[in-house]
Amino acid sequence: MSLWPVWLIIVALAVIGMIIASLAVVAGAGRTDRGPVIVRLTLWCATIVTVFTLLGAITNTAVALLNDQTAITLTVEPFWPTLPAGAHIEGPTAHLEDGGLTSGEVLLSGLSASTKICWAIGQGLAWLLPATLAFLVSVMCRKLLAGQAFSPVVSRLTLIAAFVIAIGGIAMAILADTASSLAAQQLLEYTGAEVPETGGKIDWLGDMWPQAGGGIGIPLWPIGAGLGLAALSVAFRYGTRLEHETEGLI
């Protein structure tokens, strides 16, 4: 079962909710200070995104775990089909010199439990990470509207979000690569084959059949995003300290 309709539904609902929230906030906004209008609009949008991304995380994880068929991205060694000896096609004007297909979107059944678990958790994390950021933004907006822009809660949540993004982003990539590699092995690896009509071995099967790929990549963006949020947390902490010192001088 492909999950793209779920994406469309969630995106459509989020867009509709943002439009309604925008109209409501602008209609009730004061006519002099537009600052609170922007903050309230951001708060509404962040809240809507948080809710729908959390629903998306739950839905994707449940479907990947419970459905008999799994929509997954396979990783294969660079592959390009080779025609059997004597075969010839007409039409192509370009010639392949190197490289080939390295991945494919497929719908599989019969995957092992460990593969489905890795893929399900990875898909859930892909939705949970934006939910974390949206929730952090919503808390920041609430504190800003309450006149507590440098609240210690914001600093702590920003630091927590930094760890979630850094660790979750790396875990998401590792789990997805692991599931993709395992699925490719379970689908493509064979121990033997023969032609039913002649009973002869298929000597050219290696040229016509893709080989399972492997390897796990560690992305750098979660580390950079996590460090950025950690630095922002420190900035909020300094802001809290300066705010307290200023209150003591008044």
Protein backbone atom coordinates (compact mmCIF):
# COMPACT_ATOMS: atom_id res chain seq x y z
CA MET A 1 0.00 0.00 0.00
CA SER A 2 1.50 3.30 -1.06
CA LEU A 3 1.38 6.06 1.53
CA TRP A 4 1.36 9.01 -0.86
CA PRO A 5 -2.42 9.54 -0.43
CA VAL A 6 -1.82 9.95 3.32
CA TRP A 7 0.75 12.65 2.56
CA LEU A 8 -1.71 14.45 0.29
CA ILE A 9 -4.49 14.34 2.88
CA ILE A 10 -2.28 15.65 5.67
CA VAL A 11 -0.75 18.41 3.54
CA ALA A 12 -4.20 19.46 2.30
CA LEU A 13 -5.60 19.58 5.84
CA ALA A 14 -2.59 21.52 7.08
CA VAL A 15 -2.89 24.07 4.28
CA ILE A 16 -6.63 24.49 4.89
CA GLY A 17 -6.03 24.89 8.61
CA MET A 18 -3.32 27.49 8.04
CA ILE A 19 -5.58 29.49 5.72
CA ILE A 20 -8.42 29.45 8.26
CA ALA A 21 -6.05 30.37 11.08
CA SER A 22 -4.56 33.21 9.02
CA LEU A 23 -7.96 34.68 8.24
CA ALA A 24 -9.07 34.40 11.86
CA VAL A 25 -5.94 36.02 13.25
CA VAL A 26 -5.81 38.83 10.71
CA ALA A 27 -9.52 39.57 11.17
CA GLY A 28 -9.14 39.92 14.93
CA ALA A 29 -5.80 41.64 14.96
CA GLY A 30 -5.19 45.07 16.37
CA ARG A 31 -4.67 47.86 13.87
CA THR A 32 -1.52 49.32 15.38
CA ASP A 33 0.87 46.56 16.43
CA ARG A 34 1.39 43.80 13.86
CA GLY A 35 3.98 41.92 15.97
CA PRO A 36 1.44 39.85 17.93
CA VAL A 37 -0.38 39.08 14.68
CA ILE A 38 2.68 37.41 13.21
CA VAL A 39 3.37 35.51 16.43
CA ARG A 40 -0.22 34.29 16.72
CA LEU A 41 -0.26 33.25 13.07
CA THR A 42 2.99 31.34 13.55
CA LEU A 43 1.58 29.75 16.70
CA TRP A 44 -1.52 28.51 14.87
CA CYS A 45 0.50 27.18 11.96
CA ALA A 46 3.05 25.45 14.22
CA THR A 47 0.26 23.85 16.26
CA ILE A 48 -1.47 22.56 13.14
CA VAL A 49 1.77 21.15 11.74
CA THR A 50 2.58 19.51 15.09
CA VAL A 51 -0.77 17.73 15.24
CA PHE A 52 -0.74 16.47 11.67
CA THR A 53 2.90 15.39 11.67
CA LEU A 54 2.31 13.43 14.88
CA LEU A 55 -0.68 11.78 13.22
CA GLY A 56 1.50 11.07 10.19
CA ALA A 57 4.19 9.47 12.39
CA ILE A 58 1.64 7.19 14.05
CA THR A 59 -0.06 6.32 10.75
CA ASN A 60 3.13 5.57 8.85
CA THR A 61 4.58 3.46 11.64
CA ALA A 62 1.38 1.46 12.11
CA VAL A 63 0.85 0.86 8.39
CA ALA A 64 4.48 -0.23 7.87
CA LEU A 65 4.25 -2.66 10.79
CA LEU A 66 0.76 -4.10 10.33
CA ASN A 67 0.29 -4.15 6.56
CA ASP A 68 1.24 -7.34 4.69
CA GLN A 69 2.62 -5.28 1.83
CA THR A 70 5.35 -2.71 2.39
CA ALA A 71 6.16 0.23 0.12
CA ILE A 72 9.93 0.50 0.43
CA THR A 73 12.95 1.90 -1.38
CA LEU A 74 15.43 -0.80 -2.42
CA THR A 75 19.17 -0.20 -2.67
CA VAL A 76 20.94 -2.10 -5.45
CA GLU A 77 24.42 -2.14 -6.92
CA PRO A 78 24.71 0.07 -10.03
CA PHE A 79 22.73 -1.93 -12.56
CA TRP A 80 21.70 -1.65 -16.18
CA PRO A 81 20.01 -4.53 -18.03
CA THR A 82 22.11 -6.19 -20.72
CA LEU A 83 20.50 -7.80 -23.75
CA PRO A 84 21.21 -11.49 -24.43
CA ALA A 85 23.66 -12.32 -27.18
CA GLY A 86 22.17 -11.72 -30.60
CA ALA A 87 19.43 -9.35 -29.41
CA HIS A 88 19.30 -5.83 -30.83
CA ILE A 89 17.03 -2.83 -30.36
CA GLU A 90 16.68 0.29 -32.46
CA GLY A 91 15.87 3.83 -31.39
CA PRO A 92 18.22 4.97 -28.57
CA THR A 93 20.63 7.68 -29.64
CA ALA A 94 22.63 7.81 -26.40
CA HIS A 95 25.00 5.12 -25.14
CA LEU A 96 25.54 4.15 -21.50
CA GLU A 97 29.22 4.42 -20.63
CA ASP A 98 29.13 3.91 -16.88
CA GLY A 99 26.80 3.79 -13.88
CA GLY A 100 23.23 2.59 -13.70
CA LEU A 101 20.18 2.31 -11.50
CA THR A 102 20.97 2.27 -7.77
CA SER A 103 17.51 2.26 -6.15
CA GLY A 104 13.90 1.48 -6.85
CA GLU A 105 10.49 2.10 -5.32
CA VAL A 106 8.76 -1.25 -4.86
CA LEU A 107 5.84 -2.83 -3.03
CA LEU A 108 6.91 -6.03 -1.30
CA SER A 109 5.29 -8.78 0.70
CA GLY A 110 6.95 -11.47 2.78
CA LEU A 111 9.59 -9.22 4.37
CA SER A 112 11.13 -10.35 7.63
CA ALA A 113 9.91 -8.84 10.89
CA SER A 114 13.26 -7.13 11.55
CA THR A 115 13.17 -5.44 8.14
CA LYS A 116 9.63 -4.18 8.66
CA ILE A 117 10.47 -2.90 12.15
CA CYS A 118 13.52 -0.97 10.90
CA TRP A 119 11.55 0.54 8.03
CA ALA A 120 8.55 1.40 10.23
CA ILE A 121 10.65 3.17 12.87
CA GLY A 122 12.57 5.06 10.18
CA GLN A 123 9.32 6.21 8.56
CA GLY A 124 7.94 7.28 11.94
CA LEU A 125 11.06 9.32 12.68
CA ALA A 126 10.77 11.04 9.30
CA TRP A 127 7.49 12.54 10.56
CA LEU A 128 8.48 12.93 14.21
CA LEU A 129 11.43 15.24 13.53
CA PRO A 130 9.38 18.03 11.91
CA ALA A 131 6.79 17.54 14.67
CA THR A 132 9.54 18.27 17.22
CA LEU A 133 10.52 21.51 15.51
CA ALA A 134 6.89 22.59 15.08
CA PHE A 135 6.19 21.95 18.76
CA LEU A 136 9.26 23.96 19.76
CA VAL A 137 8.12 26.88 17.62
CA SER A 138 4.63 26.75 19.13
CA VAL A 139 6.07 26.88 22.68
CA MET A 140 8.31 29.81 21.72
CA CYS A 141 5.32 31.70 20.34
CA ARG A 142 3.23 31.05 23.46
CA LYS A 143 5.98 32.31 25.74
CA LEU A 144 6.56 35.33 23.51
CA LEU A 145 2.87 36.27 23.66
CA ALA A 146 3.00 35.85 27.44
CA GLY A 147 5.94 38.27 27.65
CA GLN A 148 8.40 35.50 28.58
CA ALA A 149 10.58 35.34 25.49
CA PHE A 150 13.59 34.10 27.48
CA SER A 151 11.74 31.62 29.65
CA PRO A 152 13.94 28.78 30.98
CA VAL A 153 11.40 26.36 29.53
CA VAL A 154 12.25 27.54 26.02
CA SER A 155 15.96 27.05 26.62
CA ARG A 156 15.46 23.52 27.96
CA LEU A 157 13.09 22.50 25.18
CA THR A 158 15.47 23.88 22.56
CA LEU A 159 18.29 21.76 23.98
CA ILE A 160 16.04 18.69 24.05
CA ALA A 161 15.02 19.35 20.45
CA ALA A 162 18.71 19.59 19.51
CA PHE A 163 19.33 16.06 20.82
CA VAL A 164 16.14 14.72 19.22
CA ILE A 165 17.01 16.15 15.80
CA ALA A 166 20.66 15.05 15.92
CA ILE A 167 20.08 11.53 17.23
CA GLY A 168 16.73 10.99 15.50
CA GLY A 169 18.01 12.19 12.12
CA ILE A 170 21.00 9.85 12.22
CA ALA A 171 18.87 6.96 13.49
CA MET A 172 16.32 7.58 10.73
CA ALA A 173 18.99 7.32 8.03
CA ILE A 174 20.62 4.22 9.55
CA LEU A 175 17.31 2.40 9.96
CA ALA A 176 16.15 3.29 6.45
CA ASP A 177 19.45 2.14 4.90
CA THR A 178 19.41 -1.06 6.95
CA ALA A 179 15.82 -1.88 5.97
CA SER A 180 16.52 -1.07 2.32
CA SER A 181 19.57 -3.33 2.25
CA LEU A 182 17.78 -6.20 3.99
CA ALA A 183 14.76 -5.92 1.68
CA ALA A 184 17.03 -5.95 -1.38
CA GLN A 185 18.74 -9.12 -0.14
CA GLN A 186 15.43 -10.85 0.55
CA LEU A 187 14.07 -9.96 -2.89
CA LEU A 188 17.08 -10.26 -5.18
CA GLU A 189 19.52 -12.83 -3.79
CA TYR A 190 19.16 -16.27 -5.38
CA THR A 191 21.03 -19.58 -5.05
CA GLY A 192 20.33 -21.01 -8.50
CA ALA A 193 18.10 -20.90 -11.55
CA GLU A 194 17.40 -22.76 -14.77
CA VAL A 195 15.36 -22.39 -17.92
CA PRO A 196 12.23 -24.58 -17.63
CA GLU A 197 12.10 -25.43 -21.36
CA THR A 198 15.65 -26.73 -21.65
CA GLY A 199 16.76 -27.33 -18.10
CA GLY A 200 19.94 -25.45 -18.87
CA LYS A 201 21.63 -23.10 -16.47
CA ILE A 202 21.14 -19.37 -17.03
CA ASP A 203 24.68 -18.18 -17.60
CA TRP A 204 23.72 -14.57 -18.30
CA LEU A 205 21.40 -14.09 -15.30
CA GLY A 206 23.92 -11.84 -13.58
CA ASP A 207 23.63 -9.34 -16.43
CA MET A 208 19.83 -9.32 -16.34
CA TRP A 209 19.23 -9.43 -12.58
CA PRO A 210 20.16 -6.57 -10.19
CA GLN A 211 22.33 -7.34 -7.20
CA ALA A 212 21.39 -6.24 -3.70
CA GLY A 213 23.22 -3.14 -2.56
CA GLY A 214 24.46 -2.37 0.90
CA GLY A 215 26.11 0.26 2.99
CA ILE A 216 24.89 2.68 5.62
CA GLY A 217 25.40 6.41 5.24
CA ILE A 218 25.63 8.84 8.13
CA PRO A 219 24.04 12.18 7.14
CA LEU A 220 25.62 15.39 8.37
CA TRP A 221 22.53 17.60 8.43
CA PRO A 222 21.16 16.23 11.75
CA ILE A 223 24.47 17.05 13.44
CA GLY A 224 24.50 20.57 12.01
CA ALA A 225 20.86 21.16 12.91
CA GLY A 226 21.41 19.80 16.41
CA LEU A 227 24.44 22.02 16.98
CA GLY A 228 22.49 25.04 15.72
CA LEU A 229 19.64 24.36 18.14
CA ALA A 230 22.10 23.77 20.97
CA ALA A 231 23.71 27.16 20.28
CA LEU A 232 20.23 28.73 20.22
CA SER A 233 19.55 27.14 23.61
CA VAL A 234 22.68 28.78 25.01
CA ALA A 235 21.57 32.12 23.55
CA PHE A 236 18.19 31.79 25.30
CA ARG A 237 19.99 30.98 28.55
CA TYR A 238 22.10 34.13 28.26
CA GLY A 239 18.94 36.08 27.49
CA THR A 240 17.32 34.74 30.66
CA ARG A 241 20.33 35.79 32.71
CA LEU A 242 20.41 39.28 31.21
CA GLU A 243 16.66 39.61 31.75
CA HIS A 244 17.05 38.78 35.46
CA GLU A 245 19.97 41.19 35.82
CA THR A 246 17.95 43.95 34.16
CA GLU A 247 15.02 43.32 36.48
CA GLY A 248 17.36 43.63 39.43
CA LEU A 249 18.54 47.06 38.28
CA ILE A 250 15.02 48.44 37.95
